[in-house]
């Protein structure tokens, strides 16, 4: 796993694998690489402008993996699902 400089906005096909208060984790693929996007930007509304400037890069992390298995193992180790969660009505 390595931190990617890509923005979460380049992953139009990202799918939610975990949701929690304050954020969510998404999985995506691009250019033969596999990604997990940890998005805690929903917390931004609670922060002052000064705090937000200090934490902007920490609120969304894009992690790159060489294989889906490597990504899934990382996800499972953190207690996140590896399959898209289905929501009821």
Protein backbone atom coordinates (compact mmCIF):
# COMPACT_ATOMS: atom_id res chain seq x y z
CA UNK A 1 0.00 0.00 0.00
CA UNK A 2 1.13 3.50 -0.75
CA UNK A 3 -0.53 6.88 -0.49
CA UNK A 4 -1.65 8.16 -3.89
CA UNK A 5 -1.61 11.81 -4.98
CA UNK A 6 -4.86 11.25 -6.92
CA UNK A 7 -7.97 13.12 -5.85
CA UNK A 8 -11.14 11.24 -4.91
CA UNK A 9 -12.83 13.15 -7.74
CA UNK A 10 -11.09 11.06 -10.45
CA UNK A 11 -12.92 7.91 -9.32
CA UNK A 12 -16.39 8.26 -10.83
CA UNK A 13 -17.03 4.53 -10.38
CA UNK A 14 -16.02 4.32 -6.70
CA UNK A 15 -18.31 2.17 -4.58
CA UNK A 16 -18.98 2.40 -0.87
CA UNK A 17 -17.57 -0.47 1.18
CA UNK A 18 -18.03 1.02 4.65
CA UNK A 19 -19.86 3.95 6.19
CA UNK A 20 -19.46 5.42 9.63
CA UNK A 21 -20.28 8.61 11.45
CA UNK A 22 -18.20 11.31 9.83
CA UNK A 23 -17.23 9.49 6.68
CA UNK A 24 -17.02 6.49 4.45
CA UNK A 25 -14.59 4.21 2.66
CA UNK A 26 -14.83 3.63 -1.07
CA UNK A 27 -13.16 1.11 -3.39
CA UNK A 28 -12.19 1.87 -6.98
CA UNK A 29 -10.01 0.74 -9.86
CA UNK A 30 -8.06 2.84 -12.34
CA UNK A 31 -5.27 2.07 -14.78
CA UNK A 32 -4.70 -1.46 -13.48
CA UNK A 33 -4.32 -0.29 -9.87
CA UNK A 34 -6.75 -0.75 -6.99
CA UNK A 35 -7.71 1.96 -4.52
CA UNK A 36 -9.35 2.58 -1.17
CA UNK A 37 -10.53 6.12 -0.53
CA UNK A 38 -10.95 7.10 3.11
CA UNK A 39 -13.26 10.11 3.00
CA UNK A 40 -13.85 11.90 6.30
CA UNK A 41 -14.64 15.23 4.64
CA UNK A 42 -18.15 15.29 6.08
CA UNK A 43 -16.42 16.40 9.29
CA UNK A 44 -15.31 19.58 7.52
CA UNK A 45 -18.58 21.30 8.43
CA UNK A 46 -17.64 21.02 12.10
CA UNK A 47 -14.21 22.63 11.72
CA UNK A 48 -13.16 26.24 11.77
CA UNK A 49 -11.53 27.60 8.61
CA UNK A 50 -8.14 27.56 10.34
CA UNK A 51 -8.53 23.94 11.44
CA UNK A 52 -9.81 22.99 8.00
CA UNK A 53 -6.72 24.44 6.32
CA UNK A 54 -4.50 22.42 8.67
CA UNK A 55 -6.39 19.16 8.10
CA UNK A 56 -7.52 19.40 4.48
CA UNK A 57 -5.12 16.68 3.25
CA UNK A 58 -5.88 14.42 6.21
CA UNK A 59 -9.65 14.32 5.61
CA UNK A 60 -9.43 12.38 2.34
CA UNK A 61 -6.78 9.70 1.87
CA UNK A 62 -6.37 7.74 -1.35
CA UNK A 63 -4.44 4.49 -0.89
CA UNK A 64 -3.14 2.55 -3.92
CA UNK A 65 -2.69 -1.23 -4.09
CA UNK A 66 -1.20 -3.54 -6.72
CA UNK A 67 -3.98 -6.13 -6.53
CA UNK A 68 -7.55 -6.46 -5.33
CA UNK A 69 -6.35 -9.07 -2.81
CA UNK A 70 -3.88 -6.63 -1.29
CA UNK A 71 -6.63 -3.99 -1.09
CA UNK A 72 -9.10 -6.46 0.44
CA UNK A 73 -6.61 -7.64 3.07
CA UNK A 74 -5.93 -4.02 4.08
CA UNK A 75 -9.66 -3.34 4.24
CA UNK A 76 -10.44 -6.47 6.26
CA UNK A 77 -7.64 -5.74 8.73
CA UNK A 78 -9.43 -2.48 9.53
CA UNK A 79 -12.85 -4.08 9.81
CA UNK A 80 -14.19 -2.63 6.57
CA UNK A 81 -16.24 -4.68 4.15
CA UNK A 82 -14.71 -5.69 0.84
CA UNK A 83 -18.00 -5.98 -1.01
CA UNK A 84 -20.44 -3.19 -1.71
CA UNK A 85 -22.94 -2.98 1.12
CA UNK A 86 -26.51 -3.29 -0.02
CA UNK A 87 -29.01 -0.96 1.59
CA UNK A 88 -32.64 -1.75 2.16
CA UNK A 89 -35.50 0.64 1.49
